[in-house]
């Protein structure tokens, strides 16, 4: 535990940064099974919003595990720490006035609730990227389901480790029923309707 540390307030407030960016800042927490389309939709949305002049950033599960969280495995404890760290990083992006999209399986409801508590009531949006496991497995863009079925990947979410779907997400994107473009449009419509844009 860190000791002898003091929080230093910044000279620019979150409100001032939001005003400069021309939009609210928040975390759009994409959760869903591997292969459901979290990263694909999040990146497509970030690109479209960038074209509209919004300040965005995507925190992707695999990318973060290449650096910040490369010391973590996939045990339940490591998954919890993975999400805790991402929550703290996402909070910094919100403080900077940006719209941040996180694309993590984040299989446990409790961990997602902890991140929600880190942020203000209008700063966390749970986006359930809903896709049946059969479809995710058929897509299998990284070949992970195939390896999991062979027993080569222990503790694989949806196969040998549980996924706790959100009970009341703010938004559900059904990637087995709608195209990436349609899901992005649904997300942006939601953002506009709720004054994030």
N, C-alpha and C. Protein backbone atom coordinates (compact mmCIF):
# COMPACT_ATOMS: atom_id res chain seq x y z
N UNK A 1 0.84 -1.19 0.00
CA UNK A 1 0.00 0.00 0.00
C UNK A 1 0.88 1.24 0.00
N UNK A 2 0.46 2.21 -0.79
CA UNK A 2 1.21 3.46 -0.86
C UNK A 2 0.96 4.29 0.40
N UNK A 3 2.01 4.93 0.88
CA UNK A 3 1.88 5.81 2.04
C UNK A 3 2.53 7.14 1.71
N UNK A 4 2.26 8.12 2.55
CA UNK A 4 2.84 9.46 2.37
C UNK A 4 2.55 10.05 0.99
N UNK A 5 1.32 9.86 0.53
CA UNK A 5 0.93 10.45 -0.76
C UNK A 5 -0.24 11.39 -0.54
N UNK A 6 -0.29 12.43 -1.36
CA UNK A 6 -1.35 13.44 -1.27
C UNK A 6 -1.91 13.68 -2.66
N UNK A 7 -3.24 13.70 -2.76
CA UNK A 7 -3.88 13.95 -4.05
C UNK A 7 -3.67 15.40 -4.45
N UNK A 8 -3.23 15.64 -5.69
CA UNK A 8 -3.04 17.00 -6.20
C UNK A 8 -4.14 17.31 -7.20
N UNK A 9 -4.91 18.34 -6.91
CA UNK A 9 -5.94 18.77 -7.85
C UNK A 9 -5.29 19.41 -9.08
N UNK A 10 -5.93 19.21 -10.23
CA UNK A 10 -5.42 19.79 -11.46
C UNK A 10 -5.92 21.22 -11.61
N UNK A 11 -5.21 22.00 -12.40
CA UNK A 11 -5.59 23.40 -12.58
C UNK A 11 -6.81 23.54 -13.49
N UNK A 12 -7.07 22.54 -14.31
CA UNK A 12 -8.27 22.53 -15.15
C UNK A 12 -9.27 21.53 -14.59
N UNK A 13 -10.52 21.95 -14.48
CA UNK A 13 -11.54 21.04 -13.94
C UNK A 13 -12.09 20.13 -15.04
N UNK A 14 -12.75 19.08 -14.61
CA UNK A 14 -13.42 18.18 -15.55
C UNK A 14 -14.46 18.95 -16.36
N UNK A 15 -15.18 19.85 -15.70
CA UNK A 15 -16.21 20.64 -16.39
C UNK A 15 -15.60 21.50 -17.49
N UNK A 16 -14.44 22.10 -17.20
CA UNK A 16 -13.77 22.94 -18.20
C UNK A 16 -13.32 22.10 -19.39
N UNK A 17 -12.82 20.90 -19.12
CA UNK A 17 -12.38 20.01 -20.21
C UNK A 17 -13.57 19.57 -21.05
N UNK A 18 -14.68 19.26 -20.40
CA UNK A 18 -15.89 18.87 -21.14
C UNK A 18 -16.37 20.02 -22.02
N UNK A 19 -16.34 21.23 -21.47
CA UNK A 19 -16.78 22.39 -22.24
C UNK A 19 -15.91 22.58 -23.48
N UNK A 20 -14.60 22.44 -23.30
CA UNK A 20 -13.66 22.58 -24.43
C UNK A 20 -13.92 21.51 -25.49
N UNK A 21 -14.21 20.26 -25.03
CA UNK A 21 -14.45 19.16 -25.97
C UNK A 21 -15.83 19.22 -26.61
N UNK A 22 -16.74 19.93 -25.97
CA UNK A 22 -18.07 20.07 -26.54
C UNK A 22 -18.99 18.90 -26.27
N UNK A 23 -18.65 18.09 -25.28
CA UNK A 23 -19.51 16.96 -24.92
C UNK A 23 -19.19 16.49 -23.50
N UNK A 24 -20.12 15.73 -22.97
CA UNK A 24 -19.94 15.11 -21.65
C UNK A 24 -18.84 14.07 -21.75
N UNK A 25 -18.31 13.63 -20.62
CA UNK A 25 -17.34 12.53 -20.64
C UNK A 25 -17.90 11.39 -19.81
N UNK A 26 -17.61 10.17 -20.26
CA UNK A 26 -18.15 9.00 -19.57
C UNK A 26 -17.43 7.75 -20.06
N UNK A 27 -17.63 6.66 -19.31
CA UNK A 27 -17.13 5.34 -19.69
C UNK A 27 -18.30 4.54 -20.27
N UNK A 28 -18.11 4.04 -21.46
CA UNK A 28 -19.06 3.10 -22.05
C UNK A 28 -18.40 1.73 -21.94
N UNK A 29 -18.90 0.96 -20.97
CA UNK A 29 -18.26 -0.29 -20.58
C UNK A 29 -18.86 -1.44 -21.37
N UNK A 30 -18.18 -1.84 -22.44
CA UNK A 30 -18.63 -2.95 -23.29
C UNK A 30 -18.26 -4.27 -22.62
N UNK A 31 -19.26 -5.09 -22.35
CA UNK A 31 -19.03 -6.40 -21.76
C UNK A 31 -19.74 -7.45 -22.58
N UNK A 32 -19.14 -8.61 -22.68
CA UNK A 32 -19.72 -9.71 -23.46
C UNK A 32 -18.69 -10.79 -23.67
N UNK A 33 -19.14 -11.89 -24.22
CA UNK A 33 -18.27 -13.03 -24.45
C UNK A 33 -17.17 -12.71 -25.47
N UNK A 34 -16.12 -13.49 -25.44
CA UNK A 34 -15.08 -13.40 -26.46
C UNK A 34 -15.72 -13.65 -27.82
N UNK A 35 -15.43 -12.79 -28.78
CA UNK A 35 -15.99 -12.95 -30.12
C UNK A 35 -17.35 -12.32 -30.32
N UNK A 36 -17.87 -11.67 -29.28
CA UNK A 36 -19.21 -11.06 -29.41
C UNK A 36 -19.19 -9.78 -30.23
N UNK A 37 -18.02 -9.15 -30.33
CA UNK A 37 -17.91 -7.93 -31.14
C UNK A 37 -17.63 -6.67 -30.35
N UNK A 38 -17.21 -6.82 -29.10
CA UNK A 38 -16.95 -5.66 -28.24
C UNK A 38 -15.95 -4.69 -28.86
N UNK A 39 -14.78 -5.20 -29.17
CA UNK A 39 -13.72 -4.34 -29.72
C UNK A 39 -14.10 -3.79 -31.08
N UNK A 40 -14.73 -4.61 -31.89
CA UNK A 40 -15.12 -4.18 -33.24
C UNK A 40 -16.09 -3.02 -33.18
N UNK A 41 -17.13 -3.15 -32.37
CA UNK A 41 -18.13 -2.08 -32.26
C UNK A 41 -17.53 -0.86 -31.58
N UNK A 42 -16.76 -1.07 -30.52
CA UNK A 42 -16.16 0.06 -29.80
C UNK A 42 -15.25 0.88 -30.71
N UNK A 43 -14.42 0.21 -31.49
CA UNK A 43 -13.51 0.93 -32.39
C UNK A 43 -14.26 1.63 -33.52
N UNK A 44 -15.29 0.98 -34.06
CA UNK A 44 -16.08 1.61 -35.11
C UNK A 44 -16.81 2.84 -34.57
N UNK A 45 -17.32 2.73 -33.34
CA UNK A 45 -18.00 3.88 -32.73
C UNK A 45 -17.02 5.02 -32.47
N UNK A 46 -15.84 4.69 -31.95
CA UNK A 46 -14.84 5.72 -31.68
C UNK A 46 -14.44 6.45 -32.96
N UNK A 47 -14.32 5.69 -34.03
CA UNK A 47 -13.94 6.31 -35.32
C UNK A 47 -15.03 7.26 -35.82
N UNK A 48 -16.27 6.80 -35.74
CA UNK A 48 -17.38 7.64 -36.21
C UNK A 48 -17.51 8.89 -35.35
N UNK A 49 -17.36 8.74 -34.05
CA UNK A 49 -17.45 9.90 -33.15
C UNK A 49 -16.29 10.86 -33.36
N UNK A 50 -15.11 10.32 -33.63
CA UNK A 50 -13.95 11.16 -33.94
C UNK A 50 -14.25 12.02 -35.17
N UNK A 51 -14.86 11.40 -36.17
CA UNK A 51 -15.23 12.14 -37.38
C UNK A 51 -16.25 13.23 -37.09
N UNK A 52 -17.04 13.04 -36.03
CA UNK A 52 -18.03 14.04 -35.62
C UNK A 52 -17.43 15.09 -34.68
N UNK A 53 -16.13 14.94 -34.36
CA UNK A 53 -15.44 15.93 -33.53
C UNK A 53 -15.34 15.59 -32.05
N UNK A 54 -15.77 14.40 -31.67
CA UNK A 54 -15.71 14.02 -30.25
C UNK A 54 -14.33 13.49 -29.88
N UNK A 55 -13.97 13.65 -28.61
CA UNK A 55 -12.71 13.13 -28.08
C UNK A 55 -12.98 11.74 -27.51
N UNK A 56 -12.38 10.72 -28.11
CA UNK A 56 -12.64 9.34 -27.70
C UNK A 56 -11.34 8.55 -27.53
N UNK A 57 -11.45 7.47 -26.77
CA UNK A 57 -10.35 6.52 -26.66
C UNK A 57 -10.92 5.15 -26.37
N UNK A 58 -10.32 4.12 -26.97
CA UNK A 58 -10.75 2.74 -26.74
C UNK A 58 -9.69 2.03 -25.91
N UNK A 59 -10.11 1.49 -24.78
CA UNK A 59 -9.26 0.62 -23.96
C UNK A 59 -9.67 -0.80 -24.28
N UNK A 60 -8.79 -1.53 -24.95
CA UNK A 60 -9.08 -2.89 -25.40
C UNK A 60 -8.42 -3.91 -24.49
N UNK A 61 -9.15 -4.97 -24.18
CA UNK A 61 -8.67 -5.98 -23.25
C UNK A 61 -7.32 -6.56 -23.62
N UNK A 62 -7.16 -6.99 -24.86
CA UNK A 62 -5.89 -7.59 -25.27
C UNK A 62 -4.76 -6.57 -25.23
N UNK A 63 -5.04 -5.36 -25.70
CA UNK A 63 -4.00 -4.33 -25.74
C UNK A 63 -3.50 -3.97 -24.34
N UNK A 64 -4.42 -3.85 -23.40
CA UNK A 64 -4.03 -3.50 -22.03
C UNK A 64 -3.20 -4.61 -21.40
N UNK A 65 -3.49 -5.85 -21.77
CA UNK A 65 -2.72 -6.98 -21.22
C UNK A 65 -1.32 -7.07 -21.85
N UNK A 66 -1.06 -6.31 -22.90
CA UNK A 66 0.29 -6.25 -23.46
C UNK A 66 1.19 -5.31 -22.66
N UNK A 67 0.58 -4.42 -21.88
CA UNK A 67 1.38 -3.44 -21.15
C UNK A 67 1.00 -3.34 -19.70
N UNK A 68 0.07 -2.47 -19.40
CA UNK A 68 -0.33 -2.19 -18.02
C UNK A 68 -0.60 -3.44 -17.20
N UNK A 69 -1.28 -4.41 -17.79
CA UNK A 69 -1.68 -5.60 -17.04
C UNK A 69 -0.99 -6.88 -17.51
N UNK A 70 0.21 -6.74 -18.05
CA UNK A 70 0.91 -7.92 -18.55
C UNK A 70 1.35 -8.87 -17.45
N UNK A 71 1.30 -8.40 -16.20
CA UNK A 71 1.68 -9.25 -15.08
C UNK A 71 0.52 -10.10 -14.57
N UNK A 72 -0.66 -9.96 -15.16
CA UNK A 72 -1.84 -10.67 -14.68
C UNK A 72 -2.19 -11.87 -15.55
N UNK A 73 -2.65 -12.92 -14.91
CA UNK A 73 -3.14 -14.10 -15.63
C UNK A 73 -4.66 -14.06 -15.74
N UNK A 74 -5.28 -15.24 -15.70
CA UNK A 74 -6.72 -15.31 -15.90
C UNK A 74 -7.44 -16.02 -14.75
N UNK A 75 -6.80 -16.09 -13.61
CA UNK A 75 -7.49 -16.60 -12.43
C UNK A 75 -8.58 -15.60 -12.06
N UNK A 76 -9.52 -16.00 -11.22
CA UNK A 76 -10.56 -15.08 -10.79
C UNK A 76 -9.97 -13.84 -10.14
N UNK A 77 -8.93 -14.02 -9.34
CA UNK A 77 -8.30 -12.90 -8.65
C UNK A 77 -7.63 -11.94 -9.65
N UNK A 78 -6.95 -12.51 -10.63
CA UNK A 78 -6.30 -11.68 -11.64
C UNK A 78 -7.31 -10.96 -12.52
N UNK A 79 -8.41 -11.62 -12.83
CA UNK A 79 -9.46 -10.96 -13.62
C UNK A 79 -10.02 -9.77 -12.85
N UNK A 80 -10.23 -9.94 -11.55
CA UNK A 80 -10.73 -8.85 -10.72
C UNK A 80 -9.75 -7.67 -10.72
N UNK A 81 -8.46 -7.97 -10.57
CA UNK A 81 -7.45 -6.91 -10.56
C UNK A 81 -7.36 -6.24 -11.93
N UNK A 82 -7.49 -7.02 -12.99
CA UNK A 82 -7.49 -6.48 -14.35
C UNK A 82 -8.58 -5.42 -14.49
N UNK A 83 -9.79 -5.75 -14.06
CA UNK A 83 -10.91 -4.83 -14.18
C UNK A 83 -10.74 -3.64 -13.23
N UNK A 84 -10.23 -3.87 -12.04
CA UNK A 84 -10.01 -2.75 -11.11
C UNK A 84 -9.06 -1.72 -11.72
N UNK A 85 -7.96 -2.20 -12.28
CA UNK A 85 -7.00 -1.27 -12.89
C UNK A 85 -7.61 -0.52 -14.07
N UNK A 86 -8.35 -1.24 -14.89
CA UNK A 86 -8.98 -0.59 -16.04
C UNK A 86 -9.98 0.46 -15.57
N UNK A 87 -10.71 0.15 -14.50
CA UNK A 87 -11.64 1.13 -13.96
C UNK A 87 -10.94 2.42 -13.55
N UNK A 88 -9.78 2.27 -12.91
CA UNK A 88 -9.03 3.45 -12.49
C UNK A 88 -8.51 4.24 -13.70
N UNK A 89 -8.04 3.53 -14.71
CA UNK A 89 -7.55 4.21 -15.92
C UNK A 89 -8.72 4.90 -16.64
N UNK A 90 -9.85 4.20 -16.73
CA UNK A 90 -11.02 4.78 -17.39
C UNK A 90 -11.47 6.06 -16.67
N UNK A 91 -11.39 6.04 -15.36
CA UNK A 91 -11.77 7.23 -14.58
C UNK A 91 -10.88 8.42 -14.94
N UNK A 92 -9.60 8.18 -15.17
CA UNK A 92 -8.70 9.26 -15.58
C UNK A 92 -9.11 9.84 -16.93
N UNK A 93 -9.52 8.97 -17.85
CA UNK A 93 -9.99 9.45 -19.15
C UNK A 93 -11.25 10.31 -18.99
N UNK A 94 -12.15 9.88 -18.10
CA UNK A 94 -13.36 10.67 -17.84
C UNK A 94 -12.98 12.03 -17.28
N UNK A 95 -12.02 12.04 -16.35
CA UNK A 95 -11.55 13.30 -15.78
C UNK A 95 -10.93 14.21 -16.84
N UNK A 96 -10.38 13.59 -17.90
CA UNK A 96 -9.77 14.39 -18.97
C UNK A 96 -10.81 14.92 -19.96
N UNK A 97 -12.07 14.56 -19.75
CA UNK A 97 -13.13 15.08 -20.61
C UNK A 97 -13.46 14.22 -21.81
N UNK A 98 -12.94 13.00 -21.85
CA UNK A 98 -13.13 12.16 -23.03
C UNK A 98 -14.25 11.13 -22.86
N UNK A 99 -14.68 10.61 -23.98
CA UNK A 99 -15.57 9.45 -24.03
C UNK A 99 -14.67 8.24 -24.19
N UNK A 100 -14.71 7.35 -23.22
CA UNK A 100 -13.85 6.18 -23.27
C UNK A 100 -14.70 4.93 -23.43
N UNK A 101 -14.29 4.09 -24.37
CA UNK A 101 -14.96 2.82 -24.59
C UNK A 101 -14.03 1.72 -24.09
N UNK A 102 -14.52 0.89 -23.19
CA UNK A 102 -13.71 -0.22 -22.72
C UNK A 102 -14.27 -1.51 -23.29
N UNK A 103 -13.41 -2.32 -23.85
CA UNK A 103 -13.83 -3.58 -24.47
C UNK A 103 -13.16 -4.73 -23.72
N UNK A 104 -13.83 -5.19 -22.68
CA UNK A 104 -13.33 -6.27 -21.83
C UNK A 104 -14.45 -7.27 -21.59
N UNK A 105 -14.11 -8.53 -21.57
CA UNK A 105 -15.13 -9.52 -21.23
C UNK A 105 -15.74 -9.17 -19.89
N UNK A 106 -14.91 -8.82 -18.93
CA UNK A 106 -15.33 -8.47 -17.56
C UNK A 106 -16.49 -9.36 -17.11
N UNK A 107 -16.18 -10.64 -16.85
CA UNK A 107 -17.25 -11.63 -16.67
C UNK A 107 -18.04 -11.54 -15.37
N UNK A 108 -17.55 -10.81 -14.37
CA UNK A 108 -18.20 -10.83 -13.07
C UNK A 108 -18.96 -9.54 -12.79
N UNK A 109 -20.24 -9.69 -12.42
CA UNK A 109 -21.09 -8.53 -12.12
C UNK A 109 -20.48 -7.66 -11.02
N UNK A 110 -19.95 -8.30 -10.01
CA UNK A 110 -19.38 -7.57 -8.87
C UNK A 110 -18.27 -6.63 -9.31
N UNK A 111 -17.42 -7.08 -10.22
CA UNK A 111 -16.31 -6.24 -10.68
C UNK A 111 -16.81 -5.04 -11.47
N UNK A 112 -17.81 -5.27 -12.31
CA UNK A 112 -18.39 -4.16 -13.07
C UNK A 112 -19.05 -3.15 -12.13
N UNK A 113 -19.68 -3.65 -11.06
CA UNK A 113 -20.31 -2.76 -10.08
C UNK A 113 -19.26 -1.92 -9.36
N UNK A 114 -18.10 -2.50 -9.09
CA UNK A 114 -17.02 -1.75 -8.44
C UNK A 114 -16.58 -0.57 -9.31
N UNK A 115 -16.46 -0.81 -10.61
CA UNK A 115 -16.07 0.27 -11.52
C UNK A 115 -17.15 1.34 -11.57
N UNK A 116 -18.40 0.91 -11.61
CA UNK A 116 -19.51 1.88 -11.63
C UNK A 116 -19.42 2.81 -10.41
N UNK A 117 -19.06 2.24 -9.25
CA UNK A 117 -18.98 3.02 -8.02
C UNK A 117 -17.82 4.02 -8.04
N UNK A 118 -16.80 3.76 -8.85
CA UNK A 118 -15.67 4.69 -8.96
C UNK A 118 -16.07 6.01 -9.62
N UNK A 119 -17.13 5.95 -10.42
CA UNK A 119 -17.49 7.06 -11.27
C UNK A 119 -18.79 7.72 -10.82
N UNK A 120 -19.05 8.89 -11.35
CA UNK A 120 -20.30 9.57 -11.05
C UNK A 120 -21.48 8.85 -11.68
N UNK A 121 -22.69 9.16 -11.22
CA UNK A 121 -23.87 8.44 -11.68
C UNK A 121 -24.12 8.61 -13.18
N UNK A 122 -23.63 9.68 -13.76
CA UNK A 122 -23.82 9.90 -15.19
C UNK A 122 -22.53 9.66 -15.98
N UNK A 123 -21.62 8.87 -15.40
CA UNK A 123 -20.32 8.67 -16.03
C UNK A 123 -20.03 7.21 -16.37
N UNK A 124 -20.95 6.31 -16.11
CA UNK A 124 -20.74 4.89 -16.40
C UNK A 124 -21.96 4.34 -17.11
N UNK A 125 -21.73 3.79 -18.30
CA UNK A 125 -22.81 3.19 -19.08
C UNK A 125 -22.40 1.75 -19.40
N UNK A 126 -23.16 0.81 -18.87
CA UNK A 126 -22.88 -0.60 -19.16
C UNK A 126 -23.53 -0.97 -20.48
N UNK A 127 -22.71 -1.42 -21.41
CA UNK A 127 -23.18 -1.82 -22.73
C UNK A 127 -22.97 -3.33 -22.87
N UNK A 128 -24.06 -4.05 -22.87
CA UNK A 128 -23.99 -5.50 -23.01
C UNK A 128 -23.96 -5.86 -24.49
N UNK A 129 -22.84 -6.37 -24.95
CA UNK A 129 -22.70 -6.82 -26.34
C UNK A 129 -23.18 -8.27 -26.35
N UNK A 130 -24.44 -8.42 -26.69
CA UNK A 130 -25.12 -9.71 -26.57
C UNK A 130 -24.96 -10.53 -27.84
N UNK A 131 -24.49 -11.73 -27.66
CA UNK A 131 -24.32 -12.65 -28.79
C UNK A 131 -24.28 -14.07 -28.22
N UNK A 132 -25.11 -14.97 -28.73
CA UNK A 132 -25.09 -16.34 -28.21
C UNK A 132 -23.71 -16.97 -28.34
N UNK A 133 -23.37 -17.80 -27.36
CA UNK A 133 -22.04 -18.42 -27.37
C UNK A 133 -21.82 -19.24 -28.63
N UNK A 134 -22.88 -19.83 -29.18
CA UNK A 134 -22.75 -20.62 -30.41
C UNK A 134 -22.25 -19.75 -31.56
N UNK A 135 -22.77 -18.52 -31.63
CA UNK A 135 -22.34 -17.60 -32.68
C UNK A 135 -20.91 -17.12 -32.42
N UNK A 136 -20.60 -16.81 -31.18
CA UNK A 136 -19.24 -16.38 -30.83
C UNK A 136 -18.24 -17.47 -31.19
N UNK A 137 -18.62 -18.71 -30.88
CA UNK A 137 -17.72 -19.83 -31.15
C UNK A 137 -17.58 -20.07 -32.65
N UNK A 138 -18.65 -19.84 -33.39
CA UNK A 138 -18.58 -19.99 -34.85
C UNK A 138 -17.67 -18.93 -35.46
N UNK A 139 -17.72 -17.73 -34.91
CA UNK A 139 -16.85 -16.66 -35.40
C UNK A 139 -15.39 -16.96 -35.01
N UNK A 140 -15.17 -17.17 -33.73
CA UNK A 140 -13.87 -17.50 -33.15
C UNK A 140 -12.70 -16.81 -33.86
N UNK A 141 -12.69 -15.45 -33.90
CA UNK A 141 -11.68 -14.74 -34.68
C UNK A 141 -10.23 -14.99 -34.26
N UNK A 142 -10.03 -15.37 -33.00
CA UNK A 142 -8.66 -15.60 -32.51
C UNK A 142 -8.35 -17.08 -32.31
N UNK A 143 -9.32 -17.94 -32.64
CA UNK A 143 -9.11 -19.38 -32.45
C UNK A 143 -9.10 -19.82 -31.00
N UNK A 144 -9.64 -18.97 -30.11
CA UNK A 144 -9.58 -19.26 -28.68
C UNK A 144 -10.58 -20.34 -28.25
N UNK A 145 -11.76 -20.33 -28.85
CA UNK A 145 -12.75 -21.34 -28.48
C UNK A 145 -12.25 -22.74 -28.85
N UNK A 146 -11.63 -22.80 -30.01
CA UNK A 146 -11.09 -24.09 -30.46
C UNK A 146 -10.06 -24.61 -29.46
N UNK A 147 -9.18 -23.72 -29.02
CA UNK A 147 -8.16 -24.11 -28.03
C UNK A 147 -8.81 -24.47 -26.70
N UNK A 148 -9.83 -23.70 -26.31
CA UNK A 148 -10.50 -23.97 -25.03
C UNK A 148 -11.19 -25.32 -25.05
N UNK A 149 -11.80 -25.66 -26.17
CA UNK A 149 -12.48 -26.95 -26.29
C UNK A 149 -11.49 -28.11 -26.22
N UNK A 150 -10.27 -27.86 -26.64
CA UNK A 150 -9.23 -28.89 -26.57
C UNK A 150 -8.56 -28.93 -25.20
N UNK A 151 -8.95 -28.02 -24.32
CA UNK A 151 -8.34 -27.97 -22.99
C UNK A 151 -7.03 -27.23 -22.95
N UNK A 152 -6.70 -26.51 -24.03
CA UNK A 152 -5.42 -25.80 -24.09
C UNK A 152 -5.47 -24.46 -23.37
N UNK A 153 -6.68 -23.94 -23.14
CA UNK A 153 -6.83 -22.68 -22.41
C UNK A 153 -7.70 -22.96 -21.19
N UNK A 154 -7.09 -23.00 -20.01
CA UNK A 154 -7.90 -23.19 -18.80
C UNK A 154 -8.64 -21.90 -18.45
N UNK A 155 -9.71 -22.03 -17.73
CA UNK A 155 -10.48 -20.87 -17.25
C UNK A 155 -10.89 -19.93 -18.39
N UNK A 156 -11.47 -20.50 -19.44
CA UNK A 156 -11.91 -19.70 -20.58
C UNK A 156 -13.38 -19.34 -20.40
N UNK A 157 -13.67 -18.05 -20.41
CA UNK A 157 -15.03 -17.57 -20.15
C UNK A 157 -16.03 -18.16 -21.14
N UNK A 158 -17.10 -18.70 -20.58
CA UNK A 158 -18.16 -19.29 -21.38
C UNK A 158 -18.00 -20.78 -21.59
N UNK A 159 -16.78 -21.28 -21.40
CA UNK A 159 -16.52 -22.71 -21.58
C UNK A 159 -16.19 -23.34 -20.22
N UNK A 160 -15.10 -22.91 -19.62
CA UNK A 160 -14.68 -23.48 -18.35
C UNK A 160 -14.66 -22.46 -17.21
N UNK A 161 -15.13 -21.26 -17.50
CA UNK A 161 -15.23 -20.20 -16.50
C UNK A 161 -16.52 -19.44 -16.78
N UNK A 162 -17.24 -19.01 -15.74
CA UNK A 162 -18.57 -18.41 -15.96
C UNK A 162 -18.52 -17.00 -16.53
N UNK A 163 -19.61 -16.65 -17.20
CA UNK A 163 -19.85 -15.25 -17.60
C UNK A 163 -21.18 -14.84 -17.00
N UNK A 164 -21.16 -13.78 -16.21
CA UNK A 164 -22.36 -13.27 -15.58
C UNK A 164 -22.88 -12.09 -16.39
N UNK A 165 -23.91 -12.34 -17.18
CA UNK A 165 -24.46 -11.30 -18.05
C UNK A 165 -25.09 -10.19 -17.21
N UNK A 166 -25.02 -8.95 -17.68
CA UNK A 166 -25.65 -7.85 -16.95
C UNK A 166 -27.15 -8.06 -16.81
N UNK A 167 -27.68 -7.69 -15.65
CA UNK A 167 -29.12 -7.82 -15.43
C UNK A 167 -29.88 -6.59 -15.92
N UNK A 168 -29.28 -5.41 -15.76
CA UNK A 168 -29.94 -4.17 -16.17
C UNK A 168 -28.94 -3.24 -16.84
N UNK A 169 -28.39 -3.65 -17.97
CA UNK A 169 -27.45 -2.74 -18.65
C UNK A 169 -28.20 -1.53 -19.21
N UNK A 170 -27.49 -0.44 -19.34
CA UNK A 170 -28.12 0.74 -19.94
C UNK A 170 -28.42 0.52 -21.41
N UNK A 171 -27.61 -0.30 -22.07
CA UNK A 171 -27.79 -0.52 -23.50
C UNK A 171 -27.41 -1.95 -23.86
N UNK A 172 -28.19 -2.57 -24.73
CA UNK A 172 -27.88 -3.91 -25.24
C UNK A 172 -27.69 -3.81 -26.74
N UNK A 173 -26.56 -4.31 -27.23
CA UNK A 173 -26.29 -4.36 -28.66
C UNK A 173 -26.24 -5.82 -29.06
N UNK A 174 -27.17 -6.24 -29.92
CA UNK A 174 -27.27 -7.64 -30.33
C UNK A 174 -26.51 -7.84 -31.64
N UNK A 175 -25.28 -8.24 -31.50
CA UNK A 175 -24.41 -8.32 -32.68
C UNK A 175 -24.70 -9.53 -33.56
N UNK A 176 -25.53 -10.44 -33.08
CA UNK A 176 -25.95 -11.56 -33.95
C UNK A 176 -27.14 -11.17 -34.81
N UNK A 177 -27.79 -10.05 -34.47
CA UNK A 177 -28.98 -9.60 -35.21
C UNK A 177 -28.72 -8.35 -36.04
N UNK A 178 -27.74 -7.55 -35.61
CA UNK A 178 -27.49 -6.28 -36.28
C UNK A 178 -26.04 -6.18 -36.72
N UNK A 179 -25.81 -5.46 -37.80
CA UNK A 179 -24.45 -5.26 -38.31
C UNK A 179 -23.67 -4.33 -37.39
N UNK A 180 -22.37 -4.27 -37.58
CA UNK A 180 -21.53 -3.36 -36.80
C UNK A 180 -22.04 -1.93 -36.97
N UNK A 181 -22.34 -1.54 -38.20
CA UNK A 181 -22.80 -0.18 -38.47
C UNK A 181 -24.11 0.10 -37.75
N UNK A 182 -25.02 -0.87 -37.75
CA UNK A 182 -26.30 -0.68 -37.06
C UNK A 182 -26.10 -0.57 -35.55
N UNK A 183 -25.19 -1.36 -35.00
CA UNK A 183 -24.89 -1.28 -33.56
C UNK A 183 -24.29 0.07 -33.21
N UNK A 184 -23.40 0.57 -34.05
CA UNK A 184 -22.81 1.89 -33.83
C UNK A 184 -23.89 2.96 -33.86
N UNK A 185 -24.79 2.87 -34.81
CA UNK A 185 -25.89 3.84 -34.90
C UNK A 185 -26.77 3.79 -33.65
N UNK A 186 -27.04 2.58 -33.15
CA UNK A 186 -27.83 2.43 -31.92
C UNK A 186 -27.12 3.09 -30.75
N UNK A 187 -25.81 2.88 -30.66
CA UNK A 187 -25.03 3.47 -29.58
C UNK A 187 -25.05 4.99 -29.65
N UNK A 188 -24.80 5.53 -30.83
CA UNK A 188 -24.75 6.99 -30.98
C UNK A 188 -26.13 7.60 -30.74
N UNK A 189 -27.18 6.93 -31.18
CA UNK A 189 -28.54 7.42 -30.90
C UNK A 189 -28.79 7.46 -29.40
N UNK A 190 -28.34 6.43 -28.71
CA UNK A 190 -28.48 6.39 -27.24
C UNK A 190 -27.71 7.54 -26.61
N UNK A 191 -26.49 7.78 -27.08
CA UNK A 191 -25.66 8.84 -26.53
C UNK A 191 -26.31 10.20 -26.73
N UNK A 192 -26.86 10.42 -27.90
CA UNK A 192 -27.52 11.72 -28.19
C UNK A 192 -28.78 11.88 -27.34
N UNK A 193 -29.55 10.82 -27.24
CA UNK A 193 -30.80 10.88 -26.47
C UNK A 193 -30.55 11.15 -25.00
N UNK A 194 -29.40 10.72 -24.52
CA UNK A 194 -29.09 10.90 -23.10
C UNK A 194 -28.06 11.99 -22.84
N UNK A 195 -27.88 12.86 -23.83
CA UNK A 195 -27.09 14.10 -23.69
C UNK A 195 -25.60 13.87 -23.47
N UNK A 196 -25.06 12.73 -23.94
CA UNK A 196 -23.61 12.59 -23.88
C UNK A 196 -22.96 13.28 -25.06
N UNK A 197 -23.74 13.52 -26.08
CA UNK A 197 -23.23 14.23 -27.26
C UNK A 197 -24.06 15.48 -27.49
